[in-house]
N, C-alpha and C. Protein backbone atom coordinates (compact mmCIF):
# COMPACT_ATOMS: atom_id res chain seq x y z
N UNK A 1 78.65 116.91 114.86
CA UNK A 1 79.08 115.51 114.67
C UNK A 1 80.27 115.54 113.77
N UNK A 2 81.10 114.54 114.38
CA UNK A 2 82.62 114.45 113.97
C UNK A 2 82.64 113.44 112.53
N UNK A 3 83.19 114.16 111.77
CA UNK A 3 83.18 113.34 110.42
C UNK A 3 84.71 113.16 110.44
N UNK A 4 84.64 111.90 109.50
CA UNK A 4 86.23 111.70 109.11
C UNK A 4 86.19 111.31 107.98
N UNK A 5 87.20 111.99 106.78
CA UNK A 5 87.15 111.58 105.47
C UNK A 5 88.55 111.31 105.06
N UNK A 6 88.79 110.24 104.26
CA UNK A 6 89.88 109.76 103.67
C UNK A 6 89.96 109.01 102.47
N UNK A 7 91.02 109.30 101.76
CA UNK A 7 90.98 108.53 100.61
C UNK A 7 91.96 107.23 100.41
N UNK A 8 91.64 106.26 99.94
CA UNK A 8 92.29 104.98 99.58
C UNK A 8 93.33 105.21 98.66
N UNK A 9 94.21 106.27 98.82
CA UNK A 9 95.40 106.83 97.87
C UNK A 9 96.38 107.72 98.64
N UNK A 10 97.54 107.71 98.39
CA UNK A 10 98.69 108.69 98.87
C UNK A 10 99.44 109.12 97.44
N UNK A 11 98.83 108.79 96.35
CA UNK A 11 99.60 109.50 95.17
C UNK A 11 99.23 111.27 95.47
N UNK A 12 100.19 111.92 94.98
CA UNK A 12 100.16 113.23 95.06
C UNK A 12 99.17 113.93 94.62
N UNK A 13 98.76 113.60 93.29
CA UNK A 13 97.84 114.02 92.54
C UNK A 13 96.49 113.29 92.25
N UNK A 14 96.48 112.79 93.34
CA UNK A 14 95.41 111.81 93.37
C UNK A 14 94.02 112.34 93.23
N UNK A 15 92.97 111.92 92.55
CA UNK A 15 91.79 112.41 92.01
C UNK A 15 90.95 112.08 93.48
N UNK A 16 90.93 111.03 94.29
CA UNK A 16 90.44 110.81 95.23
C UNK A 16 90.73 111.50 96.47
N UNK A 17 92.11 112.08 96.62
CA UNK A 17 92.56 112.80 97.53
C UNK A 17 91.87 114.39 97.23
N UNK A 18 91.80 114.76 96.24
CA UNK A 18 91.11 115.84 95.79
C UNK A 18 89.48 115.66 96.04
N UNK A 19 89.13 114.66 96.01
CA UNK A 19 87.66 114.45 96.06
C UNK A 19 87.27 114.46 97.59
N UNK A 20 88.38 114.02 98.14
CA UNK A 20 88.20 113.88 100.02
C UNK A 20 88.39 115.43 100.42
N UNK A 21 89.27 116.08 99.61
CA UNK A 21 89.12 117.68 100.35
C UNK A 21 87.84 118.29 100.39
N UNK A 22 87.23 117.81 98.91
CA UNK A 22 86.12 118.63 98.90
C UNK A 22 85.04 118.05 99.54
N UNK A 23 84.78 116.93 99.71
CA UNK A 23 84.08 116.79 101.03
C UNK A 23 84.27 116.71 102.37
N UNK A 24 85.38 116.82 102.58
CA UNK A 24 85.77 117.67 103.99
C UNK A 24 85.23 119.08 104.05
N UNK A 25 85.46 119.93 102.99
CA UNK A 25 84.95 121.48 103.08
C UNK A 25 83.59 121.12 103.08
N UNK A 26 82.64 120.42 102.11
CA UNK A 26 81.32 120.41 102.28
C UNK A 26 80.93 120.04 103.65
N UNK A 27 81.66 119.01 104.38
CA UNK A 27 81.17 118.66 105.79
C UNK A 27 81.46 119.74 106.49
N UNK A 28 82.38 120.69 106.71
CA UNK A 28 82.36 121.85 107.62
C UNK A 28 81.36 122.65 107.26
N UNK A 29 80.86 122.76 105.56
CA UNK A 29 79.97 123.81 105.79
C UNK A 29 78.46 123.31 106.12
N UNK A 30 78.44 122.10 106.47
CA UNK A 30 77.14 121.19 106.90
C UNK A 30 77.16 121.40 108.40
N UNK A 31 78.42 122.12 108.97
CA UNK A 31 78.20 122.24 110.38
C UNK A 31 78.94 121.12 111.22
N UNK A 32 79.62 119.89 110.50
CA UNK A 32 80.36 119.18 111.29
C UNK A 32 81.88 119.28 111.51
N UNK A 33 82.36 118.49 112.66
CA UNK A 33 83.92 118.68 113.07
C UNK A 33 84.68 117.86 112.30
N UNK A 34 85.33 118.13 111.17
CA UNK A 34 85.80 117.38 110.17
C UNK A 34 87.27 117.18 110.51
N UNK A 35 87.70 115.68 110.58
CA UNK A 35 89.32 115.45 110.06
C UNK A 35 89.21 115.06 108.86
N UNK A 36 90.34 115.44 107.91
CA UNK A 36 90.62 115.11 106.77
C UNK A 36 92.07 114.19 107.05
N UNK A 37 92.09 112.71 107.15
CA UNK A 37 92.73 111.75 107.25
C UNK A 37 93.79 111.62 106.04
N UNK A 38 95.01 111.54 106.18
CA UNK A 38 95.86 111.46 104.90
C UNK A 38 96.59 109.94 105.14
N UNK A 39 96.41 109.23 104.81
CA UNK A 39 96.92 107.39 105.22
C UNK A 39 98.60 107.60 105.16
N UNK A 40 99.07 108.62 104.11
CA UNK A 40 100.51 108.66 104.23
C UNK A 40 101.16 109.22 105.34
N UNK A 41 100.38 109.65 106.44
CA UNK A 41 100.79 110.21 107.72
C UNK A 41 101.00 109.06 108.49
N UNK A 42 100.78 107.94 108.37
CA UNK A 42 100.86 106.55 108.96
C UNK A 42 101.70 105.48 108.43
N UNK A 43 102.67 104.98 109.59
CA UNK A 43 103.50 104.24 109.22
C UNK A 43 103.09 103.01 109.38
N UNK A 44 102.28 102.37 108.27
CA UNK A 44 101.63 100.66 108.63
C UNK A 44 102.14 99.97 107.59
N UNK A 45 102.99 98.80 108.20
CA UNK A 45 103.36 98.05 107.11
C UNK A 45 102.27 97.08 106.24
N UNK A 46 102.63 96.31 105.56
CA UNK A 46 101.71 95.37 104.86
C UNK A 46 101.27 94.53 105.95
N UNK A 47 100.04 94.14 106.08
CA UNK A 47 99.54 93.17 107.07
C UNK A 47 100.32 91.90 107.27
N UNK A 48 100.51 91.41 108.19
CA UNK A 48 101.19 90.25 108.48
C UNK A 48 100.86 89.73 109.76
N UNK A 49 100.46 88.61 110.01
CA UNK A 49 100.17 87.91 111.29
C UNK A 49 101.41 88.14 112.37
N UNK A 50 102.46 87.49 111.62
CA UNK A 50 103.77 87.47 112.17
C UNK A 50 104.21 88.86 112.97
N UNK A 51 103.96 89.86 112.08
CA UNK A 51 104.40 91.14 112.67
C UNK A 51 103.30 91.61 113.72
N UNK A 52 102.06 91.51 113.35
CA UNK A 52 101.13 91.60 114.57
C UNK A 52 101.50 90.82 116.01
N UNK A 53 102.00 89.79 115.82
CA UNK A 53 102.27 88.60 117.12
C UNK A 53 103.20 89.15 117.58
N UNK A 54 104.14 89.84 116.90
CA UNK A 54 105.55 90.44 117.43
C UNK A 54 105.06 92.26 118.39
N UNK A 55 103.71 92.40 118.16
CA UNK A 55 103.23 93.90 118.61
C UNK A 55 102.63 94.71 117.28
N UNK A 56 101.41 94.91 117.79
CA UNK A 56 100.56 95.71 116.72
C UNK A 56 101.69 96.94 116.64
N UNK A 57 101.70 97.68 115.41
CA UNK A 57 102.65 99.10 115.23
C UNK A 57 101.89 100.15 115.95
N UNK A 58 102.59 101.13 116.36
CA UNK A 58 101.88 102.06 117.20
C UNK A 58 101.13 103.08 116.33
N UNK A 59 101.35 103.13 115.01
CA UNK A 59 100.38 103.84 113.90
C UNK A 59 99.20 103.19 113.87
N UNK A 60 99.18 101.95 113.88
CA UNK A 60 97.75 101.44 113.58
C UNK A 60 97.00 101.32 114.98
N UNK A 61 97.26 101.47 115.95
CA UNK A 61 96.75 101.97 117.36
C UNK A 61 96.31 103.45 117.10
N UNK A 62 97.08 104.20 116.65
CA UNK A 62 96.95 105.64 116.35
C UNK A 62 95.59 105.68 115.31
N UNK A 63 95.68 104.88 114.17
CA UNK A 63 94.51 105.08 113.25
C UNK A 63 93.47 104.52 113.98
N UNK A 64 93.33 103.51 114.70
CA UNK A 64 91.92 102.85 115.28
C UNK A 64 91.50 104.20 116.33
N UNK A 65 92.44 104.88 116.91
CA UNK A 65 91.96 106.05 117.76
C UNK A 65 91.10 106.87 116.78
N UNK A 66 91.59 107.24 115.71
CA UNK A 66 91.09 108.41 115.18
C UNK A 66 90.17 107.77 114.87
N UNK A 67 89.97 106.78 114.02
CA UNK A 67 88.58 106.01 113.57
C UNK A 67 87.62 105.94 114.65
N UNK A 68 87.93 105.40 115.66
CA UNK A 68 86.86 105.26 116.83
C UNK A 68 86.29 106.55 116.97
N UNK A 69 86.88 107.74 117.12
CA UNK A 69 86.21 108.97 117.50
C UNK A 69 85.55 109.71 116.47
N UNK A 70 85.17 108.98 115.63
CA UNK A 70 84.26 109.70 114.45
C UNK A 70 82.99 108.68 114.12
N UNK A 71 81.91 109.11 114.40
CA UNK A 71 80.82 108.49 114.45
C UNK A 71 80.12 108.06 112.74
N UNK A 72 80.75 109.31 111.85
CA UNK A 72 80.52 109.49 110.79
C UNK A 72 81.96 109.48 109.85
N UNK A 73 81.88 108.68 108.71
CA UNK A 73 82.96 108.83 107.81
C UNK A 73 82.42 108.85 106.27
N UNK A 74 83.37 109.27 105.66
CA UNK A 74 83.47 109.40 103.93
C UNK A 74 84.77 108.75 103.67
N UNK A 75 84.66 107.56 102.70
CA UNK A 75 85.56 107.07 101.87
C UNK A 75 85.85 107.32 100.73
N UNK A 76 86.82 107.86 100.04
CA UNK A 76 86.89 108.13 98.65
C UNK A 76 87.85 107.07 98.05
N UNK A 77 87.38 106.02 97.26
CA UNK A 77 87.95 105.10 96.83
C UNK A 77 88.30 105.10 95.61
N UNK A 78 89.85 105.08 95.27
CA UNK A 78 90.17 104.93 93.82
C UNK A 78 89.71 103.30 93.28
N UNK A 79 89.82 103.21 91.99
CA UNK A 79 89.51 101.81 91.41
C UNK A 79 90.88 101.52 90.50
N UNK A 80 91.59 100.40 91.01
CA UNK A 80 92.44 99.48 90.34
C UNK A 80 91.97 98.60 89.93
N UNK A 81 91.91 98.05 88.77
CA UNK A 81 91.70 96.85 88.06
C UNK A 81 90.09 96.71 88.70
N UNK A 82 89.33 97.57 88.44
CA UNK A 82 87.61 97.12 89.00
C UNK A 82 87.74 96.60 90.11
N UNK A 83 88.67 97.29 91.32
CA UNK A 83 88.32 97.21 92.65
C UNK A 83 89.11 98.18 93.29
N UNK A 84 88.76 98.31 94.82
CA UNK A 84 89.66 99.22 95.38
C UNK A 84 91.02 98.88 95.52
N UNK A 85 91.97 99.61 96.16
CA UNK A 85 93.15 99.79 96.45
C UNK A 85 93.68 98.74 97.50
N UNK A 86 95.06 98.18 97.15
CA UNK A 86 95.60 97.32 98.17
C UNK A 86 95.94 98.24 99.53
N UNK A 87 96.07 99.44 99.04
CA UNK A 87 96.33 100.47 100.29
C UNK A 87 95.45 100.76 101.24
N UNK A 88 94.16 100.54 100.91
CA UNK A 88 92.57 100.71 101.36
C UNK A 88 92.32 99.26 102.22
N UNK A 89 92.60 98.14 101.37
CA UNK A 89 92.42 96.98 101.90
C UNK A 89 93.29 96.74 102.98
N UNK A 90 94.95 97.31 103.04
CA UNK A 90 95.58 97.00 104.05
C UNK A 90 95.09 97.71 105.32
N UNK A 91 94.87 99.09 104.94
CA UNK A 91 94.47 100.04 106.12
C UNK A 91 93.41 99.52 107.04
N UNK A 92 92.01 98.64 106.31
CA UNK A 92 91.11 98.05 106.82
C UNK A 92 91.28 97.02 107.54
N UNK A 93 92.24 95.89 106.92
CA UNK A 93 92.47 94.85 107.66
C UNK A 93 93.35 95.27 109.06
N UNK A 94 94.30 96.28 108.87
CA UNK A 94 95.11 96.24 110.17
C UNK A 94 94.08 96.94 111.17
N UNK A 95 93.12 98.13 110.73
CA UNK A 95 92.59 98.51 111.64
C UNK A 95 91.30 97.76 112.18
N UNK A 96 90.68 96.44 111.77
CA UNK A 96 89.79 95.95 112.02
C UNK A 96 90.80 94.38 112.83
N UNK A 97 91.85 94.30 112.72
CA UNK A 97 92.25 93.47 113.52
C UNK A 97 92.48 93.56 114.92
N UNK A 98 92.28 93.18 115.81
CA UNK A 98 92.21 92.90 117.33
C UNK A 98 93.73 93.01 118.11
N UNK A 99 93.67 93.66 119.39
CA UNK A 99 95.16 93.99 119.82
C UNK A 99 95.04 92.91 121.05
N UNK A 100 95.73 91.59 121.10
CA UNK A 100 95.36 91.00 121.88
C UNK A 100 95.73 91.52 123.44
N UNK A 101 94.80 91.31 124.43
CA UNK A 101 95.08 91.66 125.60
C UNK A 101 94.89 93.31 125.98
N UNK A 102 94.72 94.08 124.77
CA UNK A 102 94.17 95.38 124.87
C UNK A 102 92.74 95.65 125.35
N UNK A 103 92.58 96.30 126.74
CA UNK A 103 91.27 96.74 127.12
C UNK A 103 90.41 97.23 125.79
N UNK A 104 90.76 97.78 125.20
CA UNK A 104 89.83 98.47 124.35
C UNK A 104 89.61 98.00 122.70
N UNK A 105 91.14 97.79 122.35
CA UNK A 105 91.14 97.34 120.87
C UNK A 105 91.36 95.52 120.67
N UNK A 106 90.99 94.58 121.56
CA UNK A 106 90.69 93.20 121.96
C UNK A 106 89.47 93.04 121.12
N UNK A 107 88.62 94.08 120.90
CA UNK A 107 87.15 93.79 120.08
C UNK A 107 87.37 94.02 118.75
N UNK A 108 87.34 93.14 118.11
CA UNK A 108 87.33 93.23 116.51
C UNK A 108 86.43 94.02 115.83
N UNK A 109 85.44 94.06 116.45
CA UNK A 109 84.34 94.88 115.80
C UNK A 109 84.91 96.64 115.93
N UNK A 110 85.36 96.81 117.05
CA UNK A 110 85.88 98.07 116.91
C UNK A 110 87.08 98.50 116.11
N UNK A 111 87.26 99.55 115.36
CA UNK A 111 86.27 100.98 115.34
C UNK A 111 85.31 100.90 114.40
N UNK A 112 85.00 99.40 113.67
CA UNK A 112 83.94 100.20 112.85
C UNK A 112 82.70 99.71 112.78
N UNK A 113 82.37 98.89 114.06
CA UNK A 113 80.68 98.84 113.89
C UNK A 113 80.03 99.70 114.39
N UNK A 114 78.75 100.09 113.59
CA UNK A 114 77.94 101.22 114.09
C UNK A 114 78.21 102.51 113.32
N UNK A 115 79.58 102.38 112.92
CA UNK A 115 79.97 103.77 111.79
C UNK A 115 79.47 103.94 110.70
N UNK A 116 78.92 105.25 110.46
CA UNK A 116 77.73 105.46 109.12
C UNK A 116 78.90 105.93 108.36
N UNK A 117 79.09 105.28 107.22
CA UNK A 117 79.87 105.41 106.26
C UNK A 117 79.38 105.73 104.85
N UNK A 118 79.81 106.93 104.06
CA UNK A 118 79.43 107.21 102.56
C UNK A 118 80.77 106.66 101.73
N UNK A 119 80.41 106.60 100.75
CA UNK A 119 81.40 106.10 99.64
C UNK A 119 81.38 107.01 98.49
N UNK A 120 82.38 107.46 98.10
CA UNK A 120 82.68 108.40 96.81
C UNK A 120 83.79 107.72 96.18
N UNK A 121 83.88 108.02 94.94
CA UNK A 121 85.23 107.45 94.10
C UNK A 121 85.09 108.63 92.96
N UNK A 122 86.76 108.48 92.28
CA UNK A 122 86.77 109.52 91.45
C UNK A 122 87.66 108.36 90.65
N UNK A 123 87.47 108.58 88.95
CA UNK A 123 88.04 108.08 88.29
C UNK A 123 87.98 108.84 86.87
N UNK A 124 88.98 108.68 85.96
CA UNK A 124 89.16 109.28 84.45
C UNK A 124 88.22 108.49 83.72
N UNK A 125 87.59 107.25 84.37
CA UNK A 125 86.91 106.59 83.32
C UNK A 125 85.54 107.11 83.24
N UNK A 126 85.03 106.39 82.31
CA UNK A 126 83.51 106.81 82.33
C UNK A 126 82.47 106.42 83.62
N UNK A 127 83.00 105.29 84.26
CA UNK A 127 82.17 104.78 85.61
C UNK A 127 82.37 105.66 87.11
N UNK A 128 83.73 106.32 86.66
CA UNK A 128 83.93 107.04 87.96
C UNK A 128 84.54 106.28 89.02
N UNK A 129 85.16 105.14 89.10
CA UNK A 129 85.39 104.02 90.16
C UNK A 129 83.91 103.60 90.67
N UNK A 130 82.83 103.29 90.25
CA UNK A 130 81.80 102.74 90.54
C UNK A 130 82.09 101.20 91.03
N UNK A 131 82.92 100.52 90.28
CA UNK A 131 83.18 99.10 90.42
C UNK A 131 84.10 98.99 91.67
N UNK A 132 84.84 99.98 91.94
CA UNK A 132 85.63 99.83 93.30
C UNK A 132 84.59 100.03 94.26
N UNK A 133 83.60 100.67 94.14
CA UNK A 133 82.34 100.94 95.45
C UNK A 133 81.86 99.73 95.39
N UNK A 134 81.41 98.95 94.43
CA UNK A 134 80.65 97.69 94.51
C UNK A 134 81.50 96.55 95.21
N UNK A 135 82.49 96.68 95.17
CA UNK A 135 83.41 96.02 95.91
C UNK A 135 83.50 96.43 97.39
N UNK A 136 83.93 97.42 97.61
CA UNK A 136 84.20 98.08 98.91
C UNK A 136 82.77 97.94 99.76
N UNK A 137 81.53 98.22 99.33
CA UNK A 137 80.42 97.98 100.08
C UNK A 137 80.28 96.79 100.86
N UNK A 138 80.32 95.42 100.60
CA UNK A 138 80.37 94.20 101.30
C UNK A 138 81.50 94.21 102.36
N UNK A 139 82.50 94.83 101.97
CA UNK A 139 83.55 94.66 103.12
C UNK A 139 83.14 95.47 104.17
N UNK A 140 82.63 96.64 104.08
CA UNK A 140 82.18 97.69 105.16
C UNK A 140 81.05 97.08 105.79
N UNK A 141 79.93 96.26 105.13
CA UNK A 141 78.95 95.73 105.57
C UNK A 141 79.38 94.47 106.71
N UNK A 142 80.45 93.77 106.09
CA UNK A 142 80.69 92.65 107.07
C UNK A 142 81.29 93.14 108.34
N UNK A 143 81.87 94.20 108.19
CA UNK A 143 82.57 95.05 109.63
C UNK A 143 81.63 96.04 110.49
N UNK A 144 80.39 95.39 110.00
CA UNK A 144 79.39 95.92 110.89
C UNK A 144 79.10 97.55 110.67
N UNK A 145 79.46 98.21 109.33
CA UNK A 145 79.16 99.79 109.23
C UNK A 145 77.56 99.74 108.61
N UNK A 146 77.49 101.02 109.07
CA UNK A 146 75.80 101.33 108.39
C UNK A 146 76.44 101.96 107.34
N UNK A 147 76.20 101.28 106.35
CA UNK A 147 76.39 102.25 104.56
C UNK A 147 75.23 102.94 104.26
N UNK A 148 75.77 104.36 103.83
CA UNK A 148 74.58 105.19 103.44
C UNK A 148 74.20 104.70 101.89
N UNK A 149 73.31 104.88 102.07
CA UNK A 149 72.57 104.49 100.40
C UNK A 149 73.01 105.29 99.11
N UNK A 150 73.00 106.64 99.52
CA UNK A 150 73.47 107.59 98.70
C UNK A 150 75.13 107.16 98.29
N UNK A 151 75.77 107.56 97.04
CA UNK A 151 77.21 107.11 96.79
C UNK A 151 77.11 108.34 95.62
N UNK A 152 78.29 108.18 95.45
CA UNK A 152 78.72 109.05 94.02
C UNK A 152 80.06 108.42 93.62
N UNK A 153 80.08 108.53 92.36
CA UNK A 153 81.13 108.35 91.45
C UNK A 153 81.38 109.15 90.44
N UNK A 154 82.41 109.80 91.05
CA UNK A 154 82.65 111.37 89.94
C UNK A 154 83.60 110.61 88.88
N UNK A 155 83.13 110.56 87.30
CA UNK A 155 83.61 110.16 86.05
C UNK A 155 84.50 111.42 85.76
N UNK A 156 85.23 110.96 84.56
CA UNK A 156 86.19 112.32 83.73
C UNK A 156 87.13 113.22 84.93
N UNK A 157 87.60 112.47 85.97
CA UNK A 157 88.06 113.27 86.98
C UNK A 157 89.04 113.89 86.68
N UNK A 158 89.84 113.74 85.73
CA UNK A 158 91.26 114.60 85.11
C UNK A 158 90.82 115.94 84.87
N UNK A 159 89.47 116.06 84.43
CA UNK A 159 88.98 117.51 83.81
C UNK A 159 87.99 118.23 84.86
N UNK A 160 87.50 117.48 85.98
CA UNK A 160 86.42 117.89 86.96
C UNK A 160 86.79 118.78 88.26
N UNK A 161 88.31 119.02 88.30
CA UNK A 161 88.89 120.06 89.51
C UNK A 161 89.36 121.19 88.62
N UNK A 162 89.22 122.31 89.11
CA UNK A 162 90.19 123.58 88.78
C UNK A 162 91.62 123.51 89.70
N UNK A 163 92.40 124.40 89.40
CA UNK A 163 93.69 124.37 90.00
C UNK A 163 93.74 124.42 91.61
N UNK A 164 92.83 124.59 92.12
CA UNK A 164 92.82 124.88 93.62
C UNK A 164 92.12 123.70 94.12
N UNK A 165 91.63 122.84 93.33
CA UNK A 165 91.27 121.44 93.74
C UNK A 165 89.69 121.53 93.89
N UNK A 166 89.01 122.60 93.34
CA UNK A 166 87.61 122.59 93.53
C UNK A 166 86.81 121.90 92.29
N UNK A 167 86.03 121.33 92.50
CA UNK A 167 84.72 120.70 91.54
C UNK A 167 84.46 122.04 90.61
N UNK A 168 84.46 121.99 89.23
CA UNK A 168 84.06 122.81 88.67
C UNK A 168 82.54 122.96 88.24
N UNK A 169 81.97 121.60 88.50
CA UNK A 169 80.64 121.68 88.30
C UNK A 169 79.39 121.36 89.13
N UNK A 170 78.61 122.38 89.36
CA UNK A 170 77.92 122.55 90.52
C UNK A 170 77.05 121.02 90.78
N UNK A 171 76.86 120.45 89.71
CA UNK A 171 76.08 119.35 89.98
C UNK A 171 76.56 118.10 90.38
N UNK A 172 77.83 118.12 90.13
CA UNK A 172 79.05 117.01 90.66
C UNK A 172 79.15 117.48 92.35
N UNK A 173 79.36 118.80 92.57
CA UNK A 173 79.61 119.52 93.84
C UNK A 173 78.00 118.89 94.69
N UNK A 174 77.18 119.10 94.10
CA UNK A 174 75.80 118.53 94.83
C UNK A 174 75.39 117.33 95.07
N UNK A 175 76.15 116.76 94.24
CA UNK A 175 76.24 114.84 94.36
C UNK A 175 77.05 114.72 95.40
N UNK A 176 78.23 115.23 95.91
CA UNK A 176 78.97 114.99 96.68
C UNK A 176 78.45 115.56 98.38
N UNK A 177 77.93 116.67 97.81
CA UNK A 177 77.26 117.20 99.15
C UNK A 177 75.98 116.34 99.57
N UNK A 178 75.46 115.67 98.92
CA UNK A 178 74.23 114.97 98.90
C UNK A 178 74.67 113.52 99.77
N UNK A 179 75.95 113.17 99.39
CA UNK A 179 76.39 112.06 100.39
C UNK A 179 76.77 112.50 101.85
N UNK A 180 77.67 113.34 101.74
CA UNK A 180 77.99 114.01 103.06
C UNK A 180 76.72 114.54 103.98
N UNK A 181 75.83 114.74 103.33
CA UNK A 181 74.87 115.48 104.10
C UNK A 181 73.89 114.08 104.84
N UNK A 182 73.81 113.15 103.88
CA UNK A 182 73.05 111.91 104.17
C UNK A 182 73.95 111.41 105.45
N UNK A 183 75.21 111.19 105.11
CA UNK A 183 75.98 110.37 106.46
C UNK A 183 76.04 111.20 107.67
N UNK A 184 75.98 112.49 107.71
CA UNK A 184 75.98 113.34 108.90
C UNK A 184 74.30 113.05 109.37
N UNK A 185 73.34 113.15 108.35
CA UNK A 185 72.07 112.81 109.13
C UNK A 185 72.00 111.34 109.85
N UNK A 186 72.29 110.59 108.91
CA UNK A 186 72.01 109.17 109.72
C UNK A 186 73.10 108.83 110.98
N UNK A 187 74.12 109.61 110.85
CA UNK A 187 74.97 109.34 111.99
C UNK A 187 74.48 110.20 113.31
N UNK A 188 73.88 111.24 112.88
CA UNK A 188 73.22 112.06 114.16
C UNK A 188 72.01 111.27 114.60
N UNK A 189 71.26 110.70 113.97
CA UNK A 189 70.11 109.66 114.42
C UNK A 189 70.55 108.42 115.24
N UNK A 190 71.79 107.76 114.74
CA UNK A 190 72.48 106.96 115.33
C UNK A 190 73.26 107.28 116.45
N UNK A 191 74.04 108.33 116.47
CA UNK A 191 74.72 108.34 117.58
C UNK A 191 74.34 109.57 118.28
N UNK A 192 73.48 110.49 118.21
CA UNK A 192 73.40 111.80 118.81
C UNK A 192 74.24 112.69 118.45
N UNK A 193 74.47 113.55 119.17
CA UNK A 193 75.66 114.86 118.84
C UNK A 193 77.11 114.37 118.53
N UNK A 194 77.39 113.13 119.06
CA UNK A 194 78.42 112.50 118.82
C UNK A 194 79.73 113.29 119.09
């Protein structure tokens, strides 16, 4: 099964990028073929219909291709002002926007419809980014994703990782593993070998 993992942050010391690396590692341990996507590797402007009308940026098409190739996703969402980040919203807005006249990407449902998505978050607060998850879930459902019922919000993230970026608490690692494994289990049943 192909698993895509990415965080809605490009900050160097992002808790959610660390969490994404943990989820990717656990996905590999579960036997998945994992792509750990870094949004900083894509040159994607703020969404603007005038920019789109002049031609969808090449990195948007590249992003769509990567997303489309993976039946299973794990998204690690930071929490800004009790919601998900502008970066994550912009990424989703571009990736869900159809490319006029394109044989594959003229369909607005692609690359989201039918993907099995697990949501994780990490925050230094007591709720661990749970409010961001509550905002992100309806957006993913609107885009026809299958949302995994298991999710996990990592609280007190500043002290959760060791110097190598590993979670120090086995129970926290088990919570992340449970989300990853549920996503892979559901994607296997919906998409077969993937």
